[in-house]
Amino acid sequence: MLSRYTLFILSILFTSILLLSGCENYAERTHESWIEAPSGATFDDSTIYARISYGINTDPDLQGSDVDIKVDEGKVSLTGTVTNQNQITKLNMLTWVVDGVKEVDMQVQIR
């Protein structure tokens, strides 16, 4: 025979299993339009421009480069000239690491 303590534990387990098996994941049935999108950090074009410009002007590897920066809704366009391919690679890297950049149009030429 089972003791009262064992029966008590078994009844709690059985009840828990019944309760949990009836739970549904209602998040799967929630439509996207009913949920407010989380607010994330937003970056305006002037901030993106300033950060890219600062990176270019303070990087010793980019000495001798002549680059124009245009930013429109996070889309960055770089035009101008540099002295070698390494500078183009560095420009691309410096641009992509800036928060808020969504797209980079690299139109820089080697002179």
PDB file of N, CA and C in Angstrom:
ATOM      1  N   MET A   1       0.814  -1.180   0.000  1.00  0.00           N
ATOM      2  CA  MET A   1       0.000   0.000   0.000  1.00  0.00           C
ATOM      3  C   MET A   1       0.861   1.249   0.000  1.00  0.00           C
ATOM      4  N   LEU A   2       0.279   2.259  -0.617  1.00  0.00           N
ATOM      5  CA  LEU A   2       0.982   3.523  -0.692  1.00  0.00           C
ATOM      6  C   LEU A   2       0.663   4.369   0.533  1.00  0.00           C
ATOM      7  N   SER A   3       1.672   5.056   0.991  1.00  0.00           N
ATOM      8  CA  SER A   3       1.464   5.907   2.163  1.00  0.00           C
ATOM      9  C   SER A   3       0.698   7.166   1.761  1.00  0.00           C
ATOM     10  N   ARG A   4       0.208   7.853   2.744  1.00  0.00           N
ATOM     11  CA  ARG A   4      -0.531   9.081   2.478  1.00  0.00           C
ATOM     12  C   ARG A   4       0.363  10.128   1.808  1.00  0.00           C
ATOM     13  N   TYR A   5       1.598  10.191   2.211  1.00  0.00           N
ATOM     14  CA  TYR A   5       2.541  11.149   1.644  1.00  0.00           C
ATOM     15  C   TYR A   5       2.759  10.875   0.158  1.00  0.00           C
ATOM     16  N   THR A   6       2.922   9.618  -0.217  1.00  0.00           N
ATOM     17  CA  THR A   6       3.119   9.236  -1.613  1.00  0.00           C
ATOM     18  C   THR A   6       1.879   9.556  -2.428  1.00  0.00           C
ATOM     19  N   LEU A   7       0.704   9.275  -1.885  1.00  0.00           N
ATOM     20  CA  LEU A   7      -0.538   9.596  -2.580  1.00  0.00           C
ATOM     21  C   LEU A   7      -0.689  11.112  -2.775  1.00  0.00           C
ATOM     22  N   PHE A   8      -0.305  11.854  -1.751  1.00  0.00           N
ATOM     23  CA  PHE A   8      -0.382  13.304  -1.832  1.00  0.00           C
ATOM     24  C   PHE A   8       0.524  13.835  -2.953  1.00  0.00           C
ATOM     25  N   ILE A   9       1.751  13.357  -3.024  1.00  0.00           N
ATOM     26  CA  ILE A   9       2.702  13.772  -4.058  1.00  0.00           C
ATOM     27  C   ILE A   9       2.189  13.374  -5.445  1.00  0.00           C
ATOM     28  N   LEU A  10       1.671  12.161  -5.579  1.00  0.00           N
ATOM     29  CA  LEU A  10       1.148  11.702  -6.856  1.00  0.00           C
ATOM     30  C   LEU A  10      -0.046  12.540  -7.303  1.00  0.00           C
ATOM     31  N   SER A  11      -0.898  12.915  -6.368  1.00  0.00           N
ATOM     32  CA  SER A  11      -2.063  13.727  -6.734  1.00  0.00           C
ATOM     33  C   SER A  11      -1.638  15.128  -7.168  1.00  0.00           C
ATOM     34  N   ILE A  12      -0.620  15.695  -6.546  1.00  0.00           N
ATOM     35  CA  ILE A  12      -0.111  17.008  -6.950  1.00  0.00           C
ATOM     36  C   ILE A  12       0.499  16.915  -8.349  1.00  0.00           C
ATOM     37  N   LEU A  13       1.280  15.887  -8.604  1.00  0.00           N
ATOM     38  CA  LEU A  13       1.872  15.698  -9.933  1.00  0.00           C
ATOM     39  C   LEU A  13       0.803  15.533 -11.001  1.00  0.00           C
ATOM     40  N   PHE A  14      -0.193  14.719 -10.718  1.00  0.00           N
ATOM     41  CA  PHE A  14      -1.265  14.475 -11.674  1.00  0.00           C
ATOM     42  C   PHE A  14      -2.032  15.766 -11.959  1.00  0.00           C
ATOM     43  N   THR A  15      -2.327  16.537 -10.940  1.00  0.00           N
ATOM     44  CA  THR A  15      -3.037  17.802 -11.099  1.00  0.00           C
ATOM     45  C   THR A  15      -2.199  18.785 -11.911  1.00  0.00           C
ATOM     46  N   SER A  16      -0.914  18.847 -11.623  1.00  0.00           N
ATOM     47  CA  SER A  16      -0.017  19.747 -12.358  1.00  0.00           C
ATOM     48  C   SER A  16       0.029  19.390 -13.836  1.00  0.00           C
ATOM     49  N   ILE A  17       0.098  18.103 -14.127  1.00  0.00           N
ATOM     50  CA  ILE A  17       0.148  17.653 -15.517  1.00  0.00           C
ATOM     51  C   ILE A  17      -1.150  18.035 -16.238  1.00  0.00           C
ATOM     52  N   LEU A  18      -2.275  17.847 -15.575  1.00  0.00           N
ATOM     53  CA  LEU A  18      -3.550  18.216 -16.188  1.00  0.00           C
ATOM     54  C   LEU A  18      -3.644  19.713 -16.443  1.00  0.00           C
ATOM     55  N   LEU A  19      -3.210  20.507 -15.491  1.00  0.00           N
ATOM     56  CA  LEU A  19      -3.274  21.950 -15.646  1.00  0.00           C
ATOM     57  C   LEU A  19      -2.344  22.438 -16.754  1.00  0.00           C
ATOM     58  N   LEU A  20      -1.137  21.919 -16.805  1.00  0.00           N
ATOM     59  CA  LEU A  20      -0.170  22.366 -17.799  1.00  0.00           C
ATOM     60  C   LEU A  20      -0.508  21.879 -19.198  1.00  0.00           C
ATOM     61  N   SER A  21      -1.133  20.736 -19.306  1.00  0.00           N
ATOM     62  CA  SER A  21      -1.475  20.239 -20.643  1.00  0.00           C
ATOM     63  C   SER A  21      -2.589  21.063 -21.272  1.00  0.00           C
ATOM     64  N   GLY A  22      -3.353  21.764 -20.469  1.00  0.00           N
ATOM     65  CA  GLY A  22      -4.429  22.596 -20.987  1.00  0.00           C
ATOM     66  C   GLY A  22      -3.968  23.985 -21.389  1.00  0.00           C
ATOM     67  N   CYS A  23      -2.726  24.346 -21.078  1.00  0.00           N
ATOM     68  CA  CYS A  23      -2.215  25.671 -21.416  1.00  0.00           C
ATOM     69  C   CYS A  23      -1.875  25.741 -22.898  1.00  0.00           C
ATOM     70  N   GLU A  24      -2.204  26.858 -23.488  1.00  0.00           N
ATOM     71  CA  GLU A  24      -1.885  27.070 -24.895  1.00  0.00           C
ATOM     72  C   GLU A  24      -0.935  28.260 -25.010  1.00  0.00           C
ATOM     73  N   ASN A  25      -0.248  28.296 -26.105  1.00  0.00           N
ATOM     74  CA  ASN A  25       0.627  29.422 -26.379  1.00  0.00           C
ATOM     75  C   ASN A  25      -0.174  30.454 -27.169  1.00  0.00           C
ATOM     76  N   TYR A  26      -0.726  31.438 -26.472  1.00  0.00           N
ATOM     77  CA  TYR A  26      -1.568  32.436 -27.121  1.00  0.00           C
ATOM     78  C   TYR A  26      -0.753  33.420 -27.953  1.00  0.00           C
ATOM     79  N   ALA A  27       0.567  33.488 -27.740  1.00  0.00           N
ATOM     80  CA  ALA A  27       1.404  34.377 -28.539  1.00  0.00           C
ATOM     81  C   ALA A  27       1.402  33.956 -29.998  1.00  0.00           C
ATOM     82  N   GLU A  28       1.223  32.678 -30.254  1.00  0.00           N
ATOM     83  CA  GLU A  28       1.178  32.198 -31.630  1.00  0.00           C
ATOM     84  C   GLU A  28      -0.102  32.644 -32.336  1.00  0.00           C
ATOM     85  N   ARG A  29      -1.126  32.942 -31.567  1.00  0.00           N
ATOM     86  CA  ARG A  29      -2.399  33.340 -32.159  1.00  0.00           C
ATOM     87  C   ARG A  29      -2.613  34.848 -32.084  1.00  0.00           C
ATOM     88  N   THR A  30      -1.605  35.611 -31.747  1.00  0.00           N
ATOM     89  CA  THR A  30      -1.720  37.061 -31.652  1.00  0.00           C
ATOM     90  C   THR A  30      -1.274  37.675 -32.967  1.00  0.00           C
ATOM     91  N   HIS A  31      -2.120  38.480 -33.545  1.00  0.00           N
ATOM     92  CA  HIS A  31      -1.808  39.117 -34.821  1.00  0.00           C
ATOM     93  C   HIS A  31      -0.799  40.244 -34.608  1.00  0.00           C
ATOM     94  N   GLU A  32       0.105  40.422 -35.591  1.00  0.00           N
ATOM     95  CA  GLU A  32       1.154  41.432 -35.486  1.00  0.00           C
ATOM     96  C   GLU A  32       0.602  42.826 -35.250  1.00  0.00           C
ATOM     97  N   SER A  33      -0.538  43.137 -35.846  1.00  0.00           N
ATOM     98  CA  SER A  33      -1.083  44.487 -35.717  1.00  0.00           C
ATOM     99  C   SER A  33      -1.598  44.771 -34.307  1.00  0.00           C
ATOM    100  N   TRP A  34      -1.742  43.761 -33.485  1.00  0.00           N
ATOM    101  CA  TRP A  34      -2.226  43.958 -32.119  1.00  0.00           C
ATOM    102  C   TRP A  34      -1.091  44.247 -31.149  1.00  0.00           C
ATOM    103  N   ILE A  35       0.123  44.067 -31.613  1.00  0.00           N
ATOM    104  CA  ILE A  35       1.278  44.251 -30.741  1.00  0.00           C
ATOM    105  C   ILE A  35       2.009  45.513 -31.143  1.00  0.00           C
ATOM    106  N   GLU A  36       2.302  46.353 -30.177  1.00  0.00           N
ATOM    107  CA  GLU A  36       3.035  47.572 -30.454  1.00  0.00           C
ATOM    108  C   GLU A  36       4.505  47.215 -30.655  1.00  0.00           C
ATOM    109  N   ALA A  37       5.085  47.714 -31.729  1.00  0.00           N
ATOM    110  CA  ALA A  37       6.489  47.431 -32.029  1.00  0.00           C
ATOM    111  C   ALA A  37       7.380  48.054 -30.964  1.00  0.00           C
ATOM    112  N   PRO A  38       8.434  47.344 -30.559  1.00  0.00           N
ATOM    113  CA  PRO A  38       9.333  47.910 -29.555  1.00  0.00           C
ATOM    114  C   PRO A  38      10.077  49.107 -30.137  1.00  0.00           C
ATOM    115  N   SER A  39      10.238  50.110 -29.315  1.00  0.00           N
ATOM    116  CA  SER A  39      10.949  51.285 -29.795  1.00  0.00           C
ATOM    117  C   SER A  39      12.442  51.041 -29.655  1.00  0.00           C
ATOM    118  N   GLY A  40      13.149  51.235 -30.729  1.00  0.00           N
ATOM    119  CA  GLY A  40      14.592  51.064 -30.723  1.00  0.00           C
ATOM    120  C   GLY A  40      15.269  52.409 -30.881  1.00  0.00           C
ATOM    121  N   ALA A  41      16.561  52.377 -30.833  1.00  0.00           N
ATOM    122  CA  ALA A  41      17.313  53.603 -31.011  1.00  0.00           C
ATOM    123  C   ALA A  41      17.176  54.064 -32.462  1.00  0.00           C
ATOM    124  N   THR A  42      16.981  55.346 -32.632  1.00  0.00           N
ATOM    125  CA  THR A  42      16.911  55.902 -33.978  1.00  0.00           C
ATOM    126  C   THR A  42      18.072  56.873 -34.154  1.00  0.00           C
ATOM    127  N   PHE A  43      18.579  56.915 -35.352  1.00  0.00           N
ATOM    128  CA  PHE A  43      19.719  57.758 -35.641  1.00  0.00           C
ATOM    129  C   PHE A  43      19.373  58.653 -36.820  1.00  0.00           C
ATOM    130  N   ASP A  44      19.517  59.956 -36.623  1.00  0.00           N
ATOM    131  CA  ASP A  44      19.204  60.863 -37.718  1.00  0.00           C
ATOM    132  C   ASP A  44      20.408  60.967 -38.648  1.00  0.00           C
ATOM    133  N   ASP A  45      20.146  61.455 -39.844  1.00  0.00           N
ATOM    134  CA  ASP A  45      21.175  61.517 -40.876  1.00  0.00           C
ATOM    135  C   ASP A  45      22.361  62.386 -40.478  1.00  0.00           C
ATOM    136  N   SER A  46      22.102  63.474 -39.764  1.00  0.00           N
ATOM    137  CA  SER A  46      23.212  64.360 -39.379  1.00  0.00           C
ATOM    138  C   SER A  46      24.154  63.675 -38.394  1.00  0.00           C
ATOM    139  N   THR A  47      23.614  62.841 -37.501  1.00  0.00           N
ATOM    140  CA  THR A  47      24.459  62.096 -36.571  1.00  0.00           C
ATOM    141  C   THR A  47      25.286  61.060 -37.312  1.00  0.00           C
ATOM    142  N   ILE A  48      24.664  60.353 -38.246  1.00  0.00           N
ATOM    143  CA  ILE A  48      25.386  59.361 -39.048  1.00  0.00           C
ATOM    144  C   ILE A  48      26.499  60.050 -39.829  1.00  0.00           C
ATOM    145  N   TYR A  49      26.181  61.183 -40.464  1.00  0.00           N
ATOM    146  CA  TYR A  49      27.176  61.940 -41.226  1.00  0.00           C
ATOM    147  C   TYR A  49      28.353  62.347 -40.338  1.00  0.00           C
ATOM    148  N   ALA A  50      28.044  62.878 -39.160  1.00  0.00           N
ATOM    149  CA  ALA A  50      29.092  63.356 -38.259  1.00  0.00           C
ATOM    150  C   ALA A  50      30.008  62.219 -37.813  1.00  0.00           C
ATOM    151  N   ARG A  51      29.435  61.066 -37.524  1.00  0.00           N
ATOM    152  CA  ARG A  51      30.257  59.933 -37.067  1.00  0.00           C
ATOM    153  C   ARG A  51      31.146  59.386 -38.179  1.00  0.00           C
ATOM    154  N   ILE A  52      30.610  59.315 -39.385  1.00  0.00           N
ATOM    155  CA  ILE A  52      31.422  58.844 -40.514  1.00  0.00           C
ATOM    156  C   ILE A  52      32.526  59.858 -40.809  1.00  0.00           C
ATOM    157  N   SER A  53      32.180  61.132 -40.838  1.00  0.00           N
ATOM    158  CA  SER A  53      33.143  62.189 -41.116  1.00  0.00           C
ATOM    159  C   SER A  53      34.267  62.194 -40.079  1.00  0.00           C
ATOM    160  N   TYR A  54      33.910  62.061 -38.824  1.00  0.00           N
ATOM    161  CA  TYR A  54      34.912  62.013 -37.755  1.00  0.00           C
ATOM    162  C   TYR A  54      35.847  60.820 -37.949  1.00  0.00           C
ATOM    163  N   GLY A  55      35.287  59.659 -38.272  1.00  0.00           N
ATOM    164  CA  GLY A  55      36.101  58.471 -38.487  1.00  0.00           C
ATOM    165  C   GLY A  55      37.080  58.640 -39.633  1.00  0.00           C
ATOM    166  N   ILE A  56      36.615  59.248 -40.714  1.00  0.00           N
ATOM    167  CA  ILE A  56      37.481  59.453 -41.877  1.00  0.00           C
ATOM    168  C   ILE A  56      38.577  60.477 -41.565  1.00  0.00           C
ATOM    169  N   ASN A  57      38.201  61.562 -40.918  1.00  0.00           N
ATOM    170  CA  ASN A  57      39.161  62.642 -40.647  1.00  0.00           C
ATOM    171  C   ASN A  57      40.195  62.293 -39.583  1.00  0.00           C
ATOM    172  N   THR A  58      39.896  61.353 -38.721  1.00  0.00           N
ATOM    173  CA  THR A  58      40.838  61.019 -37.646  1.00  0.00           C
ATOM    174  C   THR A  58      41.635  59.747 -37.920  1.00  0.00           C
ATOM    175  N   ASP A  59      41.353  59.066 -39.014  1.00  0.00           N
ATOM    176  CA  ASP A  59      42.064  57.823 -39.315  1.00  0.00           C
ATOM    177  C   ASP A  59      43.340  58.124 -40.097  1.00  0.00           C
ATOM    178  N   PRO A  60      44.507  57.756 -39.551  1.00  0.00           N
ATOM    179  CA  PRO A  60      45.770  58.047 -40.252  1.00  0.00           C
ATOM    180  C   PRO A  60      45.912  57.285 -41.576  1.00  0.00           C
ATOM    181  N   ASP A  61      45.236  56.159 -41.726  1.00  0.00           N
ATOM    182  CA  ASP A  61      45.309  55.387 -42.974  1.00  0.00           C
ATOM    183  C   ASP A  61      44.602  56.090 -44.126  1.00  0.00           C
ATOM    184  N   LEU A  62      43.760  57.059 -43.826  1.00  0.00           N
ATOM    185  CA  LEU A  62      42.989  57.733 -44.875  1.00  0.00           C
ATOM    186  C   LEU A  62      43.556  59.106 -45.233  1.00  0.00           C
ATOM    187  N   GLN A  63      44.805  59.364 -44.842  1.00  0.00           N
ATOM    188  CA  GLN A  63      45.467  60.614 -45.231  1.00  0.00           C
ATOM    189  C   GLN A  63      45.556  60.690 -46.747  1.00  0.00           C
ATOM    190  N   GLY A  64      45.255  61.817 -47.314  1.00  0.00           N
ATOM    191  CA  GLY A  64      45.325  62.009 -48.755  1.00  0.00           C
ATOM    192  C   GLY A  64      44.058  61.626 -49.483  1.00  0.00           C
ATOM    193  N   SER A  65      43.034  61.212 -48.765  1.00  0.00           N
ATOM    194  CA  SER A  65      41.777  60.864 -49.427  1.00  0.00           C
ATOM    195  C   SER A  65      40.888  62.097 -49.526  1.00  0.00           C
ATOM    196  N   ASP A  66      40.082  62.147 -50.567  1.00  0.00           N
ATOM    197  CA  ASP A  66      39.147  63.251 -50.793  1.00  0.00           C
ATOM    198  C   ASP A  66      37.775  62.624 -51.000  1.00  0.00           C
ATOM    199  N   VAL A  67      37.010  62.508 -49.912  1.00  0.00           N
ATOM    200  CA  VAL A  67      35.747  61.769 -49.939  1.00  0.00           C
ATOM    201  C   VAL A  67      34.601  62.682 -49.530  1.00  0.00           C
ATOM    202  N   ASP A  68      33.529  62.644 -50.320  1.00  0.00           N
ATOM    203  CA  ASP A  68      32.288  63.354 -49.984  1.00  0.00           C
ATOM    204  C   ASP A  68      31.285  62.345 -49.450  1.00  0.00           C
ATOM    205  N   ILE A  69      30.563  62.752 -48.408  1.00  0.00           N
ATOM    206  CA  ILE A  69      29.604  61.873 -47.737  1.00  0.00           C
ATOM    207  C   ILE A  69      28.210  62.464 -47.904  1.00  0.00           C
ATOM    208  N   LYS A  70      27.269  61.632 -48.301  1.00  0.00           N
ATOM    209  CA  LYS A  70      25.860  62.026 -48.341  1.00  0.00           C
ATOM    210  C   LYS A  70      25.066  60.948 -47.616  1.00  0.00           C
ATOM    211  N   VAL A  71      24.140  61.373 -46.768  1.00  0.00           N
ATOM    212  CA  VAL A  71      23.318  60.438 -46.002  1.00  0.00           C
ATOM    213  C   VAL A  71      21.856  60.809 -46.207  1.00  0.00           C
ATOM    214  N   ASP A  72      21.054  59.816 -46.575  1.00  0.00           N
ATOM    215  CA  ASP A  72      19.616  60.018 -46.758  1.00  0.00           C
ATOM    216  C   ASP A  72      18.877  58.829 -46.163  1.00  0.00           C
ATOM    217  N   GLU A  73      18.234  59.054 -45.025  1.00  0.00           N
ATOM    218  CA  GLU A  73      17.474  58.016 -44.319  1.00  0.00           C
ATOM    219  C   GLU A  73      18.309  56.775 -44.040  1.00  0.00           C
ATOM    220  N   GLY A  74      19.556  56.979 -43.627  1.00  0.00           N
ATOM    221  CA  GLY A  74      20.439  55.867 -43.276  1.00  0.00           C
ATOM    222  C   GLY A  74      21.188  55.261 -44.443  1.00  0.00           C
ATOM    223  N   LYS A  75      20.908  55.736 -45.641  1.00  0.00           N
ATOM    224  CA  LYS A  75      21.605  55.245 -46.833  1.00  0.00           C
ATOM    225  C   LYS A  75      22.759  56.196 -47.129  1.00  0.00           C
ATOM    226  N   VAL A  76      23.968  55.666 -47.082  1.00  0.00           N
ATOM    227  CA  VAL A  76      25.170  56.484 -47.210  1.00  0.00           C
ATOM    228  C   VAL A  76      25.750  56.332 -48.612  1.00  0.00           C
ATOM    229  N   SER A  77      26.103  57.465 -49.205  1.00  0.00           N
ATOM    230  CA  SER A  77      26.753  57.476 -50.508  1.00  0.00           C
ATOM    231  C   SER A  77      28.116  58.140 -50.334  1.00  0.00           C
ATOM    232  N   LEU A  78      29.169  57.435 -50.721  1.00  0.00           N
ATOM    233  CA  LEU A  78      30.524  57.971 -50.638  1.00  0.00           C
ATOM    234  C   LEU A  78      31.063  58.154 -52.049  1.00  0.00           C
ATOM    235  N   THR A  79      31.536  59.360 -52.349  1.00  0.00           N
ATOM    236  CA  THR A  79      32.131  59.659 -53.654  1.00  0.00           C
ATOM    237  C   THR A  79      33.463  60.346 -53.417  1.00  0.00           C
ATOM    238  N   GLY A  80      34.321  60.328 -54.422  1.00  0.00           N
ATOM    239  CA  GLY A  80      35.600  61.003 -54.314  1.00  0.00           C
ATOM    240  C   GLY A  80      36.734  60.107 -54.752  1.00  0.00           C
ATOM    241  N   THR A  81      37.939  60.447 -54.273  1.00  0.00           N
ATOM    242  CA  THR A  81      39.128  59.690 -54.676  1.00  0.00           C
ATOM    243  C   THR A  81      39.984  59.334 -53.469  1.00  0.00           C
ATOM    244  N   VAL A  82      40.693  58.222 -53.618  1.00  0.00           N
ATOM    245  CA  VAL A  82      41.670  57.757 -52.626  1.00  0.00           C
ATOM    246  C   VAL A  82      42.920  57.310 -53.374  1.00  0.00           C
ATOM    247  N   THR A  83      43.967  56.980 -52.634  1.00  0.00           N
ATOM    248  CA  THR A  83      45.221  56.613 -53.289  1.00  0.00           C
ATOM    249  C   THR A  83      45.396  55.121 -53.509  1.00  0.00           C
ATOM    250  N   ASN A  84      44.637  54.270 -52.775  1.00  0.00           N
ATOM    251  CA  ASN A  84      44.802  52.817 -52.961  1.00  0.00           C
ATOM    252  C   ASN A  84      43.549  52.052 -52.518  1.00  0.00           C
ATOM    253  N   GLN A  85      43.532  50.764 -52.831  1.00  0.00           N
ATOM    254  CA  GLN A  85      42.388  49.897 -52.506  1.00  0.00           C
ATOM    255  C   GLN A  85      42.203  49.735 -50.995  1.00  0.00           C
ATOM    256  N   ASN A  86      43.287  49.755 -50.244  1.00  0.00           N
ATOM    257  CA  ASN A  86      43.185  49.625 -48.783  1.00  0.00           C
ATOM    258  C   ASN A  86      42.359  50.757 -48.184  1.00  0.00           C
ATOM    259  N   GLN A  87      42.470  51.952 -48.769  1.00  0.00           N
ATOM    260  CA  GLN A  87      41.683  53.079 -48.269  1.00  0.00           C
ATOM    261  C   GLN A  87      40.195  52.882 -48.560  1.00  0.00           C
ATOM    262  N   ILE A  88      39.866  52.301 -49.696  1.00  0.00           N
ATOM    263  CA  ILE A  88      38.457  52.013 -49.997  1.00  0.00           C
ATOM    264  C   ILE A  88      37.909  51.001 -48.997  1.00  0.00           C
ATOM    265  N   THR A  89      38.689  49.970 -48.718  1.00  0.00           N
ATOM    266  CA  THR A  89      38.279  48.960 -47.732  1.00  0.00           C
ATOM    267  C   THR A  89      38.078  49.592 -46.369  1.00  0.00           C
ATOM    268  N   LYS A  90      38.978  50.468 -45.970  1.00  0.00           N
ATOM    269  CA  LYS A  90      38.882  51.143 -44.673  1.00  0.00           C
ATOM    270  C   LYS A  90      37.656  52.061 -44.625  1.00  0.00           C
ATOM    271  N   LEU A  91      37.391  52.783 -45.716  1.00  0.00           N
ATOM    272  CA  LEU A  91      36.191  53.635 -45.779  1.00  0.00           C
ATOM    273  C   LEU A  91      34.924  52.808 -45.606  1.00  0.00           C
ATOM    274  N   ASN A  92      34.870  51.690 -46.298  1.00  0.00           N
ATOM    275  CA  ASN A  92      33.708  50.812 -46.210  1.00  0.00           C
ATOM    276  C   ASN A  92      33.513  50.321 -44.777  1.00  0.00           C
ATOM    277  N   MET A  93      34.591  49.909 -44.146  1.00  0.00           N
ATOM    278  CA  MET A  93      34.509  49.419 -42.766  1.00  0.00           C
ATOM    279  C   MET A  93      34.070  50.533 -41.814  1.00  0.00           C
ATOM    280  N   LEU A  94      34.689  51.707 -41.938  1.00  0.00           N
ATOM    281  CA  LEU A  94      34.337  52.823 -41.054  1.00  0.00           C
ATOM    282  C   LEU A  94      32.877  53.240 -41.213  1.00  0.00           C
ATOM    283  N   THR A  95      32.365  53.113 -42.420  1.00  0.00           N
ATOM    284  CA  THR A  95      30.970  53.495 -42.665  1.00  0.00           C
ATOM    285  C   THR A  95      30.009  52.484 -42.058  1.00  0.00           C
ATOM    286  N   TRP A  96      30.272  51.203 -42.256  1.00  0.00           N
ATOM    287  CA  TRP A  96      29.341  50.170 -41.770  1.00  0.00           C
ATOM    288  C   TRP A  96      29.300  50.053 -40.255  1.00  0.00           C
ATOM    289  N   VAL A  97      30.359  50.452 -39.550  1.00  0.00           N
ATOM    290  CA  VAL A  97      30.340  50.316 -38.089  1.00  0.00           C
ATOM    291  C   VAL A  97      29.546  51.423 -37.406  1.00  0.00           C
ATOM    292  N   VAL A  98      29.130  52.435 -38.158  1.00  0.00           N
ATOM    293  CA  VAL A  98      28.340  53.527 -37.576  1.00  0.00           C
ATOM    294  C   VAL A  98      26.897  53.066 -37.403  1.00  0.00           C
ATOM    295  N   ASP A  99      26.377  53.238 -36.194  1.00  0.00           N
ATOM    296  CA  ASP A  99      24.992  52.864 -35.910  1.00  0.00           C
ATOM    297  C   ASP A  99      24.030  53.679 -36.767  1.00  0.00           C
ATOM    298  N   GLY A 100      23.033  53.002 -37.330  1.00  0.00           N
ATOM    299  CA  GLY A 100      22.018  53.665 -38.130  1.00  0.00           C
ATOM    300  C   GLY A 100      22.242  53.540 -39.625  1.00  0.00           C
ATOM    301  N   VAL A 101      23.421  53.064 -40.046  1.00  0.00           N
ATOM    302  CA  VAL A 101      23.693  52.908 -41.473  1.00  0.00           C
ATOM    303  C   VAL A 101      22.947  51.684 -41.977  1.00  0.00           C
ATOM    304  N   LYS A 102      22.134  51.888 -43.015  1.00  0.00           N
ATOM    305  CA  LYS A 102      21.333  50.805 -43.579  1.00  0.00           C
ATOM    306  C   LYS A 102      21.891  50.310 -44.903  1.00  0.00           C
ATOM    307  N   GLU A 103      22.562  51.186 -45.616  1.00  0.00           N
ATOM    308  CA  GLU A 103      23.063  50.849 -46.944  1.00  0.00           C
ATOM    309  C   GLU A 103      24.253  51.749 -47.260  1.00  0.00           C
ATOM    310  N   VAL A 104      25.233  51.204 -47.983  1.00  0.00           N
ATOM    311  CA  VAL A 104      26.401  51.982 -48.384  1.00  0.00           C
ATOM    312  C   VAL A 104      26.563  51.877 -49.901  1.00  0.00           C
ATOM    313  N   ASP A 105      26.604  53.050 -50.557  1.00  0.00           N
ATOM    314  CA  ASP A 105      26.848  53.116 -51.995  1.00  0.00           C
ATOM    315  C   ASP A 105      28.265  53.662 -52.171  1.00  0.00           C
ATOM    316  N   MET A 106      29.218  52.764 -52.440  1.00  0.00           N
ATOM    317  CA  MET A 106      30.629  53.123 -52.523  1.00  0.00           C
ATOM    318  C   MET A 106      30.964  53.499 -53.971  1.00  0.00           C
ATOM    319  N   GLN A 107      31.136  54.798 -54.221  1.00  0.00           N
ATOM    320  CA  GLN A 107      31.478  55.320 -55.544  1.00  0.00           C
ATOM    321  C   GLN A 107      32.858  55.958 -55.545  1.00  0.00           C
ATOM    322  N   VAL A 108      33.704  55.540 -54.615  1.00  0.00           N
ATOM    323  CA  VAL A 108      35.047  56.116 -54.483  1.00  0.00           C
ATOM    324  C   VAL A 108      35.973  55.477 -55.512  1.00  0.00           C
ATOM    325  N   GLN A 109      36.802  56.315 -56.154  1.00  0.00           N
ATOM    326  CA  GLN A 109      37.731  55.867 -57.194  1.00  0.00           C
ATOM    327  C   GLN A 109      39.174  55.972 -56.694  1.00  0.00           C
ATOM    328  N   ILE A 110      40.039  55.137 -57.241  1.00  0.00           N
ATOM    329  CA  ILE A 110      41.472  55.223 -56.951  1.00  0.00           C
ATOM    330  C   ILE A 110      42.092  56.145 -57.997  1.00  0.00           C
ATOM    331  N   ARG A 111      42.844  57.136 -57.546  1.00  0.00           N
ATOM    332  CA  ARG A 111      43.467  58.045 -58.522  1.00  0.00           C
ATOM    333  C   ARG A 111      44.834  57.578 -58.914  1.00  0.00           C
TER     334      ARG A 111
END
